[in-house]
Amino acid sequence: MDIGIGLDAGLNLTWEDQDYLSQEAARLGYTSIWITEGAGQDSFQVCARRWAASRQVVPEGLGTGIAVSPVLYRSPVAFAMSGGTLSNMTGGRFIMGIGSGTVYRPLTRQAMGMSRTSALGIMRDYLITTRQLLAGQQVDYEGEVVTLRGIKLALSPPPRTPVYLGALGPEMLRLAGELADGACLNWCNPEQIAWSRERMAEGAERAGRDPAEAKVVEYIRVCVDDDVEQARRAYARATMHYALGATVPSPRERRQGYRAHFERMGHAEELALLDRMRTEGAPAGKVAESFSADLLQNVGYYGPAKGAAAAFRRLSQGLDTAIVRVVAARPGLDSVLAVMRACKPQLVRQAVER
């Protein structure tokens, strides 16, 4: 199993911070650096900067990856151009993750000027066309959302660029097994990882693929601090938006996205109680403090640094690449470095041996 590090925009890193942490990741033995993407900095450029900085420590540079970029922000041609260029630049040390984001929500579609459409249909179209473009093929395709006629990239020879699919639910996982080079999971316990692999294998079977062709990566969030309550508060705030959503969900919304994902792992009753607090006007901080340790530690880790490596190893069972997603307990680089050092690959492997 490879071990990567995940540094997201919420850490508020300067470009100098990005350089320093990329070099530190290489010194600590991480094999890759990952980022998510929102409507902010261009994550392809961030990956390029991190790769270049890491070459000061590792001549070939660390691998880089985006997990994931919502497809609402780019066309398949734009994804293929950016991803192919970065793969060419790094000598094939880049993985591009794409996902549907919140396209299933009416407000998202309205904001992007989209008509009602299927998230599965969108991702099928994007996976097929983006991978064909990256393979150097001329693409003639008409799908539910994407239509391309005679489009081919002027990248010769085409660089190898794996395309991973952000997937949580059974059908999206089957689609990853059918069409993608891998799946990007999030907020899983080991049982959910195994369940996800089973769904991917079903998709691979219907496409006549070997299930081993599709790799599985996941962010595992870690927050360390000697003050356990400080770590808990920061970690709970990072969890809350995913597990609960921005607003109290309708019955239909509970069957979609991250809310459905957390309920599949057995947390429906607790989340319903937290929703009741929100409905009654409880402030966000109070709701975050009310998350149980059982839920929080089921999908990540908070607490003293000495317990992080063993918890990370337990949570990473079944993955091809496990990514330490840094949750900073306090502002500044010290909290980021504390997580990176607590989960460095050597410590994780030693935790397995004990």
Protein backbone atom coordinates (compact mmCIF):
# COMPACT_ATOMS: atom_id res chain seq x y z
CA MET A 1 0.00 0.00 0.00
CA ASP A 2 1.26 3.46 -0.93
CA ILE A 3 0.82 6.31 1.51
CA GLY A 4 0.19 9.84 0.27
CA ILE A 5 -0.46 13.15 1.97
CA GLY A 6 -3.51 15.34 1.36
CA LEU A 7 -3.22 19.11 1.80
CA ASP A 8 -6.39 21.02 0.93
CA ALA A 9 -7.24 24.67 0.39
CA GLY A 10 -8.78 24.94 3.85
CA LEU A 11 -5.27 24.91 5.34
CA ASN A 12 -4.70 28.38 3.81
CA LEU A 13 -1.19 27.61 2.63
CA THR A 14 0.99 30.22 0.92
CA TRP A 15 3.01 29.22 -2.12
CA GLU A 16 6.10 29.14 0.08
CA ASP A 17 4.24 26.83 2.47
CA GLN A 18 3.34 24.58 -0.46
CA ASP A 19 7.01 24.31 -1.43
CA TYR A 20 8.19 23.59 2.11
CA LEU A 21 5.51 20.98 2.86
CA SER A 22 6.07 19.24 -0.48
CA GLN A 23 9.76 18.88 0.35
CA GLU A 24 8.95 17.75 3.89
CA ALA A 25 6.55 15.12 2.51
CA ALA A 26 9.37 13.75 0.38
CA ARG A 27 11.76 13.71 3.34
CA LEU A 28 9.18 11.86 5.47
CA GLY A 29 8.76 9.11 2.87
CA TYR A 30 5.33 9.89 1.40
CA THR A 31 4.97 8.77 -2.21
CA SER A 32 2.40 11.30 -3.40
CA ILE A 33 0.72 14.63 -2.59
CA TRP A 34 -3.01 15.13 -3.19
CA ILE A 35 -5.43 18.02 -3.32
CA THR A 36 -9.17 18.52 -3.72
CA GLU A 37 -10.65 21.16 -6.02
CA GLY A 38 -13.36 23.72 -5.51
CA ALA A 39 -14.12 27.03 -7.20
CA GLY A 40 -10.82 28.53 -6.12
CA GLN A 41 -7.20 27.90 -7.09
CA ASP A 42 -6.59 25.72 -10.14
CA SER A 43 -5.56 22.38 -8.65
CA PHE A 44 -3.59 21.31 -11.72
CA GLN A 45 -1.26 24.27 -11.20
CA VAL A 46 -0.99 23.53 -7.49
CA CYS A 47 0.02 19.95 -8.34
CA ALA A 48 2.66 21.21 -10.78
CA ARG A 49 4.12 23.51 -8.13
CA ARG A 50 4.22 20.74 -5.52
CA TRP A 51 5.86 18.27 -7.90
CA ALA A 52 8.53 20.81 -8.84
CA ALA A 53 9.24 21.63 -5.20
CA SER A 54 9.53 17.96 -4.21
CA ARG A 55 12.26 17.46 -6.81
CA GLN A 56 14.61 19.30 -4.47
CA VAL A 57 14.47 16.15 -2.31
CA VAL A 58 13.49 13.36 -4.72
CA PRO A 59 14.95 13.91 -8.22
CA GLU A 60 11.95 12.44 -10.07
CA GLY A 61 9.51 14.29 -7.83
CA LEU A 62 6.65 12.88 -5.79
CA GLY A 63 3.49 11.69 -7.47
CA THR A 64 0.63 14.16 -7.44
CA GLY A 65 -3.12 13.74 -7.64
CA ILE A 66 -6.43 15.56 -7.58
CA ALA A 67 -9.18 13.79 -5.65
CA VAL A 68 -11.40 15.06 -6.97
CA SER A 69 -12.28 17.85 -9.40
CA PRO A 70 -16.02 18.37 -9.99
CA VAL A 71 -16.83 18.02 -13.68
CA LEU A 72 -19.10 21.08 -13.62
CA TYR A 73 -16.00 23.26 -13.81
CA ARG A 74 -14.47 21.89 -17.02
CA SER A 75 -15.30 20.16 -20.28
CA PRO A 76 -13.78 16.74 -21.09
CA VAL A 77 -11.43 18.47 -23.53
CA ALA A 78 -10.23 20.87 -20.82
CA PHE A 79 -9.71 18.00 -18.38
CA ALA A 80 -7.72 16.02 -20.96
CA MET A 81 -5.58 19.02 -21.95
CA SER A 82 -4.70 19.94 -18.36
CA GLY A 83 -4.25 16.36 -17.17
CA GLY A 84 -2.24 15.30 -20.19
CA THR A 85 0.04 18.32 -19.94
CA LEU A 86 0.70 17.68 -16.25
CA SER A 87 1.39 14.00 -16.89
CA ASN A 88 3.83 14.95 -19.64
CA MET A 89 5.53 17.49 -17.38
CA THR A 90 5.93 15.07 -14.45
CA GLY A 91 6.92 11.99 -16.43
CA GLY A 92 3.60 10.27 -15.75
CA ARG A 93 3.47 11.05 -12.03
CA PHE A 94 -0.04 12.46 -11.98
CA ILE A 95 -3.49 10.96 -11.28
CA MET A 96 -6.60 12.91 -12.23
CA GLY A 97 -9.70 12.31 -10.15
CA ILE A 98 -13.04 13.60 -11.41
CA GLY A 99 -16.41 13.55 -9.68
CA SER A 100 -20.01 14.66 -9.97
CA GLY A 101 -19.83 16.97 -6.96
CA THR A 102 -23.27 18.21 -5.93
CA VAL A 103 -24.83 18.08 -9.39
CA TYR A 104 -27.70 16.06 -7.93
CA ARG A 105 -28.84 19.17 -6.04
CA PRO A 106 -31.22 21.51 -7.90
CA LEU A 107 -29.47 24.63 -6.56
CA THR A 108 -26.15 23.49 -8.01
CA ARG A 109 -27.66 22.89 -11.43
CA GLN A 110 -29.35 26.29 -11.34
CA ALA A 111 -26.09 28.01 -10.40
CA MET A 112 -24.28 26.36 -13.34
CA GLY A 113 -27.14 26.82 -15.81
CA MET A 114 -27.74 23.09 -16.22
CA SER A 115 -31.00 21.32 -16.91
CA ARG A 116 -32.03 18.33 -14.84
CA THR A 117 -29.69 15.47 -15.62
CA SER A 118 -28.37 12.24 -14.18
CA ALA A 119 -25.11 12.32 -12.22
CA LEU A 120 -24.38 8.81 -13.50
CA GLY A 121 -25.01 9.92 -17.07
CA ILE A 122 -22.67 12.88 -16.69
CA MET A 123 -19.87 10.77 -15.25
CA ARG A 124 -20.26 8.04 -17.87
CA ASP A 125 -19.93 10.67 -20.61
CA TYR A 126 -16.91 12.30 -18.96
CA LEU A 127 -15.09 9.05 -18.26
CA ILE A 128 -15.51 7.73 -21.79
CA THR A 129 -14.54 10.91 -23.62
CA THR A 130 -11.76 12.11 -21.29
CA ARG A 131 -10.02 8.74 -21.32
CA GLN A 132 -10.33 8.48 -25.10
CA LEU A 133 -8.83 11.95 -25.55
CA LEU A 134 -5.96 11.13 -23.18
CA ALA A 135 -5.30 7.93 -25.14
CA GLY A 136 -4.76 10.00 -28.28
CA GLN A 137 -7.95 8.90 -29.98
CA GLN A 138 -10.17 10.99 -32.24
CA VAL A 139 -13.44 11.21 -30.36
CA ASP A 140 -16.88 11.05 -31.96
CA TYR A 141 -19.38 10.74 -29.17
CA GLU A 142 -22.92 11.74 -28.36
CA GLY A 143 -24.10 11.11 -24.82
CA GLU A 144 -26.57 12.39 -22.30
CA VAL A 145 -24.52 15.53 -21.61
CA VAL A 146 -21.35 15.44 -23.72
CA THR A 147 -21.20 15.62 -27.51
CA LEU A 148 -17.85 15.67 -29.32
CA ARG A 149 -17.37 15.40 -33.08
CA GLY A 150 -13.95 14.61 -34.46
CA ILE A 151 -11.99 16.02 -31.49
CA LYS A 152 -8.40 14.91 -30.94
CA LEU A 153 -5.69 16.37 -28.71
CA ALA A 154 -2.37 17.45 -30.20
CA LEU A 155 -0.35 15.58 -27.58
CA SER A 156 2.04 13.14 -29.22
CA PRO A 157 2.79 10.65 -27.93
CA PRO A 158 -0.16 10.80 -25.51
CA PRO A 159 1.11 10.61 -21.90
CA ARG A 160 -0.28 7.95 -19.59
CA THR A 161 -2.82 9.73 -17.38
CA PRO A 162 -4.95 7.57 -15.05
CA VAL A 163 -8.49 8.90 -14.55
CA TYR A 164 -10.11 8.01 -11.23
CA LEU A 165 -13.77 8.47 -10.37
CA GLY A 166 -14.98 9.95 -7.10
CA ALA A 167 -17.53 7.38 -5.94
CA LEU A 168 -19.61 6.65 -2.83
CA GLY A 169 -22.88 4.96 -3.84
CA PRO A 170 -23.30 1.53 -5.41
CA GLU A 171 -23.99 2.65 -8.98
CA MET A 172 -21.13 5.16 -9.10
CA LEU A 173 -18.79 2.50 -7.70
CA ARG A 174 -19.95 0.05 -10.37
CA LEU A 175 -19.28 2.73 -12.98
CA ALA A 176 -15.74 3.15 -11.61
CA GLY A 177 -15.18 -0.60 -11.92
CA GLU A 178 -16.54 -0.56 -15.46
CA LEU A 179 -14.82 2.48 -16.96
CA ALA A 180 -12.28 4.21 -14.67
CA ASP A 181 -8.65 3.54 -13.81
CA GLY A 182 -9.56 3.73 -10.14
CA ALA A 183 -11.97 5.06 -7.54
CA CYS A 184 -11.48 7.88 -5.04
CA LEU A 185 -13.25 7.04 -1.78
CA ASN A 186 -13.83 9.34 1.17
CA TRP A 187 -14.91 8.99 4.81
CA CYS A 188 -14.92 5.18 4.89
CA ASN A 189 -14.34 2.57 7.56
CA PRO A 190 -12.67 -0.72 6.52
CA GLU A 191 -16.03 -2.47 6.10
CA GLN A 192 -17.17 0.26 3.71
CA ILE A 193 -13.94 -0.06 1.74
CA ALA A 194 -14.59 -3.79 1.31
CA TRP A 195 -18.20 -3.10 0.31
CA SER A 196 -17.00 -0.52 -2.22
CA ARG A 197 -14.56 -2.97 -3.77
CA GLU A 198 -17.37 -5.50 -4.17
CA ARG A 199 -19.48 -2.96 -6.07
CA MET A 200 -16.50 -2.06 -8.26
CA ALA A 201 -15.94 -5.74 -9.02
CA GLU A 202 -19.56 -5.99 -10.17
CA GLY A 203 -18.98 -3.12 -12.58
CA ALA A 204 -15.75 -4.65 -13.84
CA GLU A 205 -17.52 -7.95 -14.45
CA ARG A 206 -20.20 -6.38 -16.65
CA ALA A 207 -17.43 -4.77 -18.72
CA GLY A 208 -15.32 -7.93 -18.92
CA ARG A 209 -12.48 -6.29 -16.98
CA ASP A 210 -10.20 -7.68 -14.32
CA PRO A 211 -11.33 -5.96 -11.08
CA ALA A 212 -7.66 -5.47 -10.15
CA GLU A 213 -7.33 -3.00 -13.04
CA ALA A 214 -9.21 -0.35 -11.05
CA LYS A 215 -7.27 0.91 -8.04
CA VAL A 216 -8.76 2.30 -4.84
CA VAL A 217 -7.54 5.42 -3.04
CA GLU A 218 -9.05 7.21 -0.07
CA TYR A 219 -8.60 10.27 2.09
CA ILE A 220 -8.35 9.37 5.79
CA ARG A 221 -8.58 12.48 7.93
CA VAL A 222 -6.21 12.87 10.87
CA CYS A 223 -6.05 15.64 13.46
CA VAL A 224 -3.45 15.48 16.23
CA ASP A 225 -2.92 17.60 19.32
CA ASP A 226 -1.96 16.93 22.93
CA ASP A 227 -5.17 18.73 23.85
CA VAL A 228 -7.62 16.01 22.78
CA GLU A 229 -10.63 18.31 22.99
CA GLN A 230 -8.92 20.82 20.70
CA ALA A 231 -8.27 18.04 18.17
CA ARG A 232 -11.82 16.76 18.53
CA ARG A 233 -13.37 20.17 17.85
CA ALA A 234 -11.32 20.74 14.71
CA TYR A 235 -11.97 17.23 13.42
CA ALA A 236 -15.72 17.42 14.15
CA ARG A 237 -15.98 20.70 12.24
CA ALA A 238 -14.31 19.02 9.26
CA THR A 239 -16.74 16.10 9.48
CA MET A 240 -19.96 18.04 9.99
CA HIS A 241 -20.42 19.52 6.52
CA TYR A 242 -20.00 16.11 4.88
CA ALA A 243 -22.03 13.99 7.26
CA LEU A 244 -24.93 16.42 7.71
CA GLY A 245 -24.84 18.65 4.65
CA ALA A 246 -25.19 22.42 4.53
CA THR A 247 -28.89 22.29 5.42
CA VAL A 248 -31.23 19.74 6.99
CA PRO A 249 -31.86 17.30 4.14
CA SER A 250 -35.20 16.30 2.71
CA PRO A 251 -36.08 12.56 2.71
CA ARG A 252 -34.93 12.43 -0.92
CA GLU A 253 -31.62 14.15 -0.19
CA ARG A 254 -30.92 11.67 2.61
CA ARG A 255 -30.71 8.97 -0.08
CA GLN A 256 -27.99 10.84 -1.97
CA GLY A 257 -24.37 11.89 -1.61
CA TYR A 258 -22.49 11.87 1.67
CA ARG A 259 -25.60 11.74 3.82
CA ALA A 260 -26.58 8.39 2.30
CA HIS A 261 -22.95 7.28 2.64
CA PHE A 262 -22.82 7.96 6.39
CA GLU A 263 -26.21 6.34 6.91
CA ARG A 264 -25.01 3.21 5.09
CA MET A 265 -22.31 2.96 7.75
CA GLY A 266 -24.92 2.88 10.51
CA HIS A 267 -25.10 6.52 11.63
CA ALA A 268 -28.66 7.39 10.56
CA GLU A 269 -30.07 7.70 14.08
CA GLU A 270 -27.30 9.97 15.35
CA LEU A 271 -27.47 12.21 12.27
CA ALA A 272 -31.24 12.53 12.70
CA LEU A 273 -30.70 13.75 16.27
CA LEU A 274 -28.14 16.29 15.06
CA ASP A 275 -30.59 17.44 12.38
CA ARG A 276 -33.16 18.00 15.12
CA MET A 277 -30.67 20.24 16.92
CA ARG A 278 -30.21 22.26 13.74
CA THR A 279 -33.95 22.55 13.19
CA GLU A 280 -34.31 23.86 16.74
CA GLY A 281 -31.70 26.55 16.05
CA ALA A 282 -28.57 25.14 17.69
CA PRO A 283 -25.41 26.99 16.54
CA ALA A 284 -22.98 25.11 14.31
CA GLY A 285 -20.36 24.89 17.06
CA LYS A 286 -22.79 23.19 19.42
CA VAL A 287 -23.82 20.70 16.72
CA ALA A 288 -20.18 19.87 15.98
CA GLU A 289 -19.47 19.29 19.68
CA SER A 290 -22.39 16.84 19.80
CA PHE A 291 -20.90 14.37 17.30
CA SER A 292 -20.15 11.09 19.06
CA ALA A 293 -16.65 9.69 19.34
CA ASP A 294 -17.98 6.49 17.77
CA LEU A 295 -18.92 8.26 14.55
CA LEU A 296 -15.80 10.42 14.39
CA GLN A 297 -13.30 7.63 15.10
CA ASN A 298 -15.14 5.24 12.76
CA VAL A 299 -13.89 7.14 9.71
CA GLY A 300 -10.78 9.01 10.87
CA TYR A 301 -8.65 9.90 13.86
CA TYR A 302 -8.27 12.72 16.36
CA GLY A 303 -6.12 12.76 19.49
CA PRO A 304 -2.48 12.52 20.56
CA ALA A 305 0.15 12.01 17.88
CA LYS A 306 1.23 8.67 19.36
CA GLY A 307 -2.07 7.00 18.41
CA ALA A 308 -2.32 8.32 14.86
CA ALA A 309 -0.20 5.80 12.93
CA ALA A 310 -1.96 2.72 14.31
CA ALA A 311 -5.40 4.25 13.74
CA PHE A 312 -4.46 5.23 10.20
CA ARG A 313 -3.24 1.73 9.41
CA ARG A 314 -6.45 0.18 10.75
CA LEU A 315 -8.61 2.53 8.69
CA SER A 316 -6.61 1.95 5.50
CA GLN A 317 -7.22 -1.80 5.22
CA GLY A 318 -8.12 -2.71 1.63
CA LEU A 319 -6.73 0.38 -0.09
CA ASP A 320 -4.12 0.62 -2.83
CA THR A 321 -3.24 4.17 -1.80
CA ALA A 322 -4.14 5.62 1.59
CA ILE A 323 -3.96 9.41 1.84
CA VAL A 324 -3.35 11.17 5.15
CA ARG A 325 -5.78 14.08 4.83
CA VAL A 326 -4.48 16.73 7.20
CA VAL A 327 -6.97 18.39 9.55
CA ALA A 328 -5.17 21.16 11.42
CA ALA A 329 -6.02 21.44 15.10
CA ARG A 330 -4.78 25.04 15.18
CA PRO A 331 -3.86 27.73 12.63
CA GLY A 332 -0.34 27.64 11.24
CA LEU A 333 2.12 25.10 9.91
CA ASP A 334 2.90 23.42 13.23
CA SER A 335 -0.43 21.54 13.30
CA VAL A 336 0.00 20.48 9.67
CA LEU A 337 3.51 19.19 10.31
CA ALA A 338 2.35 17.38 13.45
CA VAL A 339 -0.05 15.25 11.38
CA MET A 340 2.48 14.63 8.63
CA ARG A 341 5.07 13.45 11.12
CA ALA A 342 2.65 11.37 13.22
CA CYS A 343 1.56 9.37 10.15
CA LYS A 344 4.79 9.17 8.21
CA PRO A 345 4.94 5.87 6.30
CA GLN A 346 7.68 4.33 8.46
CA LEU A 347 5.56 4.76 11.59
CA VAL A 348 2.49 3.35 9.89
CA ARG A 349 4.41 0.23 8.82
CA GLN A 350 5.87 -0.19 12.31
CA ALA A 351 2.35 0.04 13.74
CA VAL A 352 1.41 -2.95 11.58
CA GLU A 353 4.32 -5.03 12.80
CA ARG A 354 3.55 -4.59 16.51
